PDB file of N, CA and C in Angstrom:
ATOM      1  N   MET A   1    -207.264  19.151 112.002  1.00  0.00           N
ATOM      2  CA  MET A   1    -206.951  19.519 113.364  1.00  0.00           C
ATOM      3  C   MET A   1    -206.291  20.872 113.342  1.00  0.00           C
ATOM      4  N   SER A   2    -206.728  21.714 114.224  1.00  0.00           N
ATOM      5  CA  SER A   2    -206.157  23.042 114.325  1.00  0.00           C
ATOM      6  C   SER A   2    -205.178  23.096 115.478  1.00  0.00           C
ATOM      7  N   THR A   3    -204.006  23.603 115.203  1.00  0.00           N
ATOM      8  CA  THR A   3    -203.066  23.876 116.285  1.00  0.00           C
ATOM      9  C   THR A   3    -202.724  25.352 116.283  1.00  0.00           C
ATOM     10  N   ASP A   4    -203.425  26.143 115.467  1.00  0.00           N
ATOM     11  CA  ASP A   4    -203.192  27.573 115.396  1.00  0.00           C
ATOM     12  C   ASP A   4    -204.048  28.252 116.453  1.00  0.00           C
ATOM     13  N   ILE A   5    -203.520  28.353 117.677  1.00  0.00           N
ATOM     14  CA  ILE A   5    -204.278  28.919 118.780  1.00  0.00           C
ATOM     15  C   ILE A   5    -203.909  30.367 119.028  1.00  0.00           C
ATOM     16  N   ASN A   6    -202.921  30.849 118.310  1.00  0.00           N
ATOM     17  CA  ASN A   6    -202.460  32.207 118.532  1.00  0.00           C
ATOM     18  C   ASN A   6    -203.056  33.149 117.507  1.00  0.00           C
ATOM     19  N   GLY A   7    -203.567  34.263 117.970  1.00  0.00           N
ATOM     20  CA  GLY A   7    -203.986  35.318 117.082  1.00  0.00           C
ATOM     21  C   GLY A   7    -202.792  36.192 116.790  1.00  0.00           C
ATOM     22  N   PRO A   8    -202.957  37.237 115.979  1.00  0.00           N
ATOM     23  CA  PRO A   8    -201.822  38.075 115.625  1.00  0.00           C
ATOM     24  C   PRO A   8    -201.209  38.808 116.815  1.00  0.00           C
ATOM     25  N   ASP A   9    -201.989  39.043 117.880  1.00  0.00           N
ATOM     26  CA  ASP A   9    -201.475  39.789 119.023  1.00  0.00           C
ATOM     27  C   ASP A   9    -201.240  38.930 120.251  1.00  0.00           C
ATOM     28  N   ASP A  10    -201.454  37.615 120.149  1.00  0.00           N
ATOM     29  CA  ASP A  10    -201.294  36.727 121.297  1.00  0.00           C
ATOM     30  C   ASP A  10    -199.831  36.422 121.550  1.00  0.00           C
ATOM     31  N   GLU A  11    -199.534  36.084 122.822  1.00  0.00           N
ATOM     32  CA  GLU A  11    -198.206  35.605 123.152  1.00  0.00           C
ATOM     33  C   GLU A  11    -198.021  34.232 122.531  1.00  0.00           C
ATOM     34  N   ASP A  12    -196.771  33.813 122.399  1.00  0.00           N
ATOM     35  CA  ASP A  12    -196.479  32.497 121.832  1.00  0.00           C
ATOM     36  C   ASP A  12    -196.828  31.423 122.843  1.00  0.00           C
ATOM     37  N   VAL A  13    -197.885  30.651 122.577  1.00  0.00           N
ATOM     38  CA  VAL A  13    -198.332  29.576 123.456  1.00  0.00           C
ATOM     39  C   VAL A  13    -198.140  28.263 122.712  1.00  0.00           C
ATOM     40  N   THR A  14    -197.476  27.310 123.356  1.00  0.00           N
ATOM     41  CA  THR A  14    -197.229  26.017 122.739  1.00  0.00           C
ATOM     42  C   THR A  14    -198.516  25.191 122.740  1.00  0.00           C
ATOM     43  N   PRO A  15    -198.930  24.704 121.573  1.00  0.00           N
ATOM     44  CA  PRO A  15    -200.127  23.866 121.530  1.00  0.00           C
ATOM     45  C   PRO A  15    -199.851  22.504 122.158  1.00  0.00           C
ATOM     46  N   PRO A  16    -200.901  21.769 122.505  1.00  0.00           N
ATOM     47  CA  PRO A  16    -200.715  20.441 123.077  1.00  0.00           C
ATOM     48  C   PRO A  16    -199.932  19.545 122.118  1.00  0.00           C
ATOM     49  N   VAL A  17    -199.008  18.774 122.657  1.00  0.00           N
ATOM     50  CA  VAL A  17    -198.194  17.889 121.832  1.00  0.00           C
ATOM     51  C   VAL A  17    -198.426  16.431 122.193  1.00  0.00           C
ATOM     52  N   ASN A  18    -198.465  16.137 123.476  1.00  0.00           N
ATOM     53  CA  ASN A  18    -198.617  14.767 123.956  1.00  0.00           C
ATOM     54  C   ASN A  18    -200.075  14.573 124.363  1.00  0.00           C
ATOM     55  N   ILE A  19    -200.897  14.059 123.438  1.00  0.00           N
ATOM     56  CA  ILE A  19    -202.341  13.985 123.685  1.00  0.00           C
ATOM     57  C   ILE A  19    -202.860  12.560 123.559  1.00  0.00           C
ATOM     58  N   SER A  20    -204.047  12.354 124.117  1.00  0.00           N
ATOM     59  CA  SER A  20    -204.806  11.129 123.848  1.00  0.00           C
ATOM     60  C   SER A  20    -206.137  11.565 123.260  1.00  0.00           C
ATOM     61  N   LEU A  21    -206.656  10.750 122.376  1.00  0.00           N
ATOM     62  CA  LEU A  21    -207.930  11.038 121.720  1.00  0.00           C
ATOM     63  C   LEU A  21    -208.719   9.744 121.712  1.00  0.00           C
ATOM     64  N   SER A  22    -209.915   9.792 122.297  1.00  0.00           N
ATOM     65  CA  SER A  22    -210.716   8.575 122.375  1.00  0.00           C
ATOM     66  C   SER A  22    -212.199   8.908 122.264  1.00  0.00           C
ATOM     67  N   LEU A  23    -212.956   7.908 121.893  1.00  0.00           N
ATOM     68  CA  LEU A  23    -214.404   8.040 121.849  1.00  0.00           C
ATOM     69  C   LEU A  23    -214.914   7.928 123.275  1.00  0.00           C
ATOM     70  N   GLY A  24    -215.776   8.856 123.688  1.00  0.00           N
ATOM     71  CA  GLY A  24    -216.305   8.853 125.043  1.00  0.00           C
ATOM     72  C   GLY A  24    -217.108   7.600 125.345  1.00  0.00           C
ATOM     73  N   GLU A  25    -217.347   7.361 126.623  1.00  0.00           N
ATOM     74  CA  GLU A  25    -218.062   6.154 127.050  1.00  0.00           C
ATOM     75  C   GLU A  25    -219.438   6.031 126.412  1.00  0.00           C
ATOM     76  N   SER A  26    -220.105   7.170 126.200  1.00  0.00           N
ATOM     77  CA  SER A  26    -221.441   7.142 125.610  1.00  0.00           C
ATOM     78  C   SER A  26    -221.398   6.847 124.113  1.00  0.00           C
ATOM     79  N   GLY A  27    -220.219   7.010 123.503  1.00  0.00           N
ATOM     80  CA  GLY A  27    -220.068   6.733 122.081  1.00  0.00           C
ATOM     81  C   GLY A  27    -220.505   7.855 121.171  1.00  0.00           C
ATOM     82  N   ASP A  28    -220.913   8.999 121.734  1.00  0.00           N
ATOM     83  CA  ASP A  28    -221.394  10.077 120.873  1.00  0.00           C
ATOM     84  C   ASP A  28    -220.529  11.331 120.924  1.00  0.00           C
ATOM     85  N   VAL A  29    -219.456  11.334 121.686  1.00  0.00           N
ATOM     86  CA  VAL A  29    -218.524  12.471 121.701  1.00  0.00           C
ATOM     87  C   VAL A  29    -217.084  11.953 121.718  1.00  0.00           C
ATOM     88  N   TRP A  30    -216.185  12.763 121.198  1.00  0.00           N
ATOM     89  CA  TRP A  30    -214.754  12.476 121.250  1.00  0.00           C
ATOM     90  C   TRP A  30    -214.152  13.249 122.404  1.00  0.00           C
ATOM     91  N   VAL A  31    -213.199  12.639 123.091  1.00  0.00           N
ATOM     92  CA  VAL A  31    -212.523  13.268 124.220  1.00  0.00           C
ATOM     93  C   VAL A  31    -211.045  13.373 123.880  1.00  0.00           C
ATOM     94  N   ALA A  32    -210.522  14.607 123.963  1.00  0.00           N
ATOM     95  CA  ALA A  32    -209.100  14.868 123.740  1.00  0.00           C
ATOM     96  C   ALA A  32    -208.499  15.321 125.061  1.00  0.00           C
ATOM     97  N   ARG A  33    -207.339  14.773 125.406  1.00  0.00           N
ATOM     98  CA  ARG A  33    -206.697  15.100 126.685  1.00  0.00           C
ATOM     99  C   ARG A  33    -205.226  15.389 126.451  1.00  0.00           C
ATOM    100  N   ASP A  34    -204.767  16.517 126.978  1.00  0.00           N
ATOM    101  CA  ASP A  34    -203.354  16.867 126.939  1.00  0.00           C
ATOM    102  C   ASP A  34    -202.680  16.181 128.121  1.00  0.00           C
ATOM    103  N   LYS A  35    -201.819  15.230 127.855  1.00  0.00           N
ATOM    104  CA  LYS A  35    -201.194  14.443 128.919  1.00  0.00           C
ATOM    105  C   LYS A  35    -200.221  15.263 129.765  1.00  0.00           C
ATOM    106  N   ASP A  36    -199.671  16.344 129.216  1.00  0.00           N
ATOM    107  CA  ASP A  36    -198.710  17.154 129.966  1.00  0.00           C
ATOM    108  C   ASP A  36    -199.379  18.030 131.021  1.00  0.00           C
ATOM    109  N   THR A  37    -200.564  18.573 130.714  1.00  0.00           N
ATOM    110  CA  THR A  37    -201.246  19.476 131.647  1.00  0.00           C
ATOM    111  C   THR A  37    -202.422  18.819 132.354  1.00  0.00           C
ATOM    112  N   GLY A  38    -202.944  17.744 131.782  1.00  0.00           N
ATOM    113  CA  GLY A  38    -204.135  17.112 132.335  1.00  0.00           C
ATOM    114  C   GLY A  38    -205.423  17.763 131.854  1.00  0.00           C
ATOM    115  N   VAL A  39    -205.319  18.788 131.012  1.00  0.00           N
ATOM    116  CA  VAL A  39    -206.495  19.475 130.475  1.00  0.00           C
ATOM    117  C   VAL A  39    -207.180  18.557 129.465  1.00  0.00           C
ATOM    118  N   ALA A  40    -208.508  18.501 129.534  1.00  0.00           N
ATOM    119  CA  ALA A  40    -209.280  17.680 128.602  1.00  0.00           C
ATOM    120  C   ALA A  40    -210.420  18.499 128.017  1.00  0.00           C
ATOM    121  N   SER A  41    -210.863  18.093 126.842  1.00  0.00           N
ATOM    122  CA  SER A  41    -211.996  18.740 126.195  1.00  0.00           C
ATOM    123  C   SER A  41    -212.699  17.696 125.344  1.00  0.00           C
ATOM    124  N   GLN A  42    -213.845  18.058 124.808  1.00  0.00           N
ATOM    125  CA  GLN A  42    -214.617  17.117 123.999  1.00  0.00           C
ATOM    126  C   GLN A  42    -215.242  17.819 122.814  1.00  0.00           C
ATOM    127  N   GLY A  43    -215.725  17.040 121.867  1.00  0.00           N
ATOM    128  CA  GLY A  43    -216.399  17.574 120.697  1.00  0.00           C
ATOM    129  C   GLY A  43    -217.167  16.477 119.994  1.00  0.00           C
ATOM    130  N   GLN A  44    -218.082  16.868 119.145  1.00  0.00           N
ATOM    131  CA  GLN A  44    -218.902  15.905 118.402  1.00  0.00           C
ATOM    132  C   GLN A  44    -218.081  15.146 117.361  1.00  0.00           C
ATOM    133  N   THR A  45    -216.971  15.740 116.912  1.00  0.00           N
ATOM    134  CA  THR A  45    -216.056  15.095 115.965  1.00  0.00           C
ATOM    135  C   THR A  45    -214.658  15.121 116.558  1.00  0.00           C
ATOM    136  N   ARG A  46    -213.764  14.315 115.980  1.00  0.00           N
ATOM    137  CA  ARG A  46    -212.369  14.334 116.444  1.00  0.00           C
ATOM    138  C   ARG A  46    -211.770  15.718 116.265  1.00  0.00           C
ATOM    139  N   GLU A  47    -212.045  16.324 115.114  1.00  0.00           N
ATOM    140  CA  GLU A  47    -211.503  17.644 114.818  1.00  0.00           C
ATOM    141  C   GLU A  47    -211.989  18.683 115.823  1.00  0.00           C
ATOM    142  N   ALA A  48    -213.274  18.629 116.161  1.00  0.00           N
ATOM    143  CA  ALA A  48    -213.834  19.579 117.128  1.00  0.00           C
ATOM    144  C   ALA A  48    -213.210  19.379 118.505  1.00  0.00           C
ATOM    145  N   ALA A  49    -213.015  18.125 118.901  1.00  0.00           N
ATOM    146  CA  ALA A  49    -212.400  17.848 120.197  1.00  0.00           C
ATOM    147  C   ALA A  49    -210.981  18.408 120.254  1.00  0.00           C
ATOM    148  N   LEU A  50    -210.223  18.242 119.170  1.00  0.00           N
ATOM    149  CA  LEU A  50    -208.852  18.750 119.134  1.00  0.00           C
ATOM    150  C   LEU A  50    -208.809  20.278 119.113  1.00  0.00           C
ATOM    151  N   GLU A  51    -209.715  20.900 118.367  1.00  0.00           N
ATOM    152  CA  GLU A  51    -209.776  22.366 118.345  1.00  0.00           C
ATOM    153  C   GLU A  51    -210.151  22.900 119.728  1.00  0.00           C
ATOM    154  N   ASN A  52    -211.103  22.244 120.375  1.00  0.00           N
ATOM    155  CA  ASN A  52    -211.499  22.656 121.728  1.00  0.00           C
ATOM    156  C   ASN A  52    -210.350  22.464 122.710  1.00  0.00           C
ATOM    157  N   LEU A  53    -209.573  21.397 122.534  1.00  0.00           N
ATOM    158  CA  LEU A  53    -208.423  21.165 123.395  1.00  0.00           C
ATOM    159  C   LEU A  53    -207.370  22.254 123.195  1.00  0.00           C
ATOM    160  N   ASP A  54    -207.128  22.642 121.954  1.00  0.00           N
ATOM    161  CA  ASP A  54    -206.183  23.735 121.689  1.00  0.00           C
ATOM    162  C   ASP A  54    -206.579  24.981 122.475  1.00  0.00           C
ATOM    163  N   GLU A  55    -207.866  25.324 122.412  1.00  0.00           N
ATOM    164  CA  GLU A  55    -208.368  26.515 123.096  1.00  0.00           C
ATOM    165  C   GLU A  55    -208.260  26.368 124.621  1.00  0.00           C
ATOM    166  N   ALA A  56    -208.589  25.187 125.127  1.00  0.00           N
ATOM    167  CA  ALA A  56    -208.543  24.957 126.571  1.00  0.00           C
ATOM    168  C   ALA A  56    -207.110  25.017 127.106  1.00  0.00           C
ATOM    169  N   VAL A  57    -206.162  24.446 126.362  1.00  0.00           N
ATOM    170  CA  VAL A  57    -204.767  24.487 126.803  1.00  0.00           C
ATOM    171  C   VAL A  57    -204.230  25.917 126.733  1.00  0.00           C
ATOM    172  N   ALA A  58    -204.633  26.669 125.732  1.00  0.00           N
ATOM    173  CA  ALA A  58    -204.225  28.073 125.654  1.00  0.00           C
ATOM    174  C   ALA A  58    -204.742  28.816 126.878  1.00  0.00           C
ATOM    175  N   GLY A  59    -205.983  28.560 127.283  1.00  0.00           N
ATOM    176  CA  GLY A  59    -206.539  29.178 128.486  1.00  0.00           C
ATOM    177  C   GLY A  59    -205.791  28.746 129.728  1.00  0.00           C
ATOM    178  N   TYR A  60    -205.394  27.500 129.781  1.00  0.00           N
ATOM    179  CA  TYR A  60    -204.620  26.974 130.911  1.00  0.00           C
ATOM    180  C   TYR A  60    -203.309  27.749 131.047  1.00  0.00           C
ATOM    181  N   HIS A  61    -202.741  28.129 129.925  1.00  0.00           N
ATOM    182  CA  HIS A  61    -201.477  28.867 129.926  1.00  0.00           C
ATOM    183  C   HIS A  61    -201.680  30.382 129.997  1.00  0.00           C
ATOM    184  N   GLY A  62    -202.920  30.827 130.180  1.00  0.00           N
ATOM    185  CA  GLY A  62    -203.196  32.244 130.358  1.00  0.00           C
ATOM    186  C   GLY A  62    -203.520  33.011 129.099  1.00  0.00           C
ATOM    187  N   ALA A  63    -203.640  32.345 127.978  1.00  0.00           N
ATOM    188  CA  ALA A  63    -204.002  33.012 126.733  1.00  0.00           C
ATOM    189  C   ALA A  63    -205.494  32.843 126.488  1.00  0.00           C
ATOM    190  N   GLY A  64    -206.002  33.489 125.471  1.00  0.00           N
ATOM    191  CA  GLY A  64    -207.400  33.327 125.114  1.00  0.00           C
ATOM    192  C   GLY A  64    -208.284  34.337 125.799  1.00  0.00           C
ATOM    193  N   GLU A  65    -209.576  34.109 125.659  1.00  0.00           N
ATOM    194  CA  GLU A  65    -210.578  35.034 126.184  1.00  0.00           C
ATOM    195  C   GLU A  65    -211.249  34.442 127.414  1.00  0.00           C
ATOM    196  N   SER A  66    -211.765  35.306 128.275  1.00  0.00           N
ATOM    197  CA  SER A  66    -212.519  34.848 129.436  1.00  0.00           C
ATOM    198  C   SER A  66    -213.849  34.273 128.967  1.00  0.00           C
ATOM    199  N   PRO A  67    -214.354  33.253 129.680  1.00  0.00           N
ATOM    200  CA  PRO A  67    -215.638  32.657 129.274  1.00  0.00           C
ATOM    201  C   PRO A  67    -216.780  33.627 129.444  1.00  0.00           C
TER     202      PRO A  67
END
């Protein structure tokens, strides 16, 4: 699981801490949800879902790149 969402020039953004991780209803994707912000993301593996959640929460806080 990656929680390193900051690049060398990024502001200090706190990664998600209070999360839920579950297998999606279809059974083929993992869903990660940050309980503090309500931001959710998914991935084919648990690790991918958590990495995607890190990126999504960073975007929620104004960091990261535009889509």
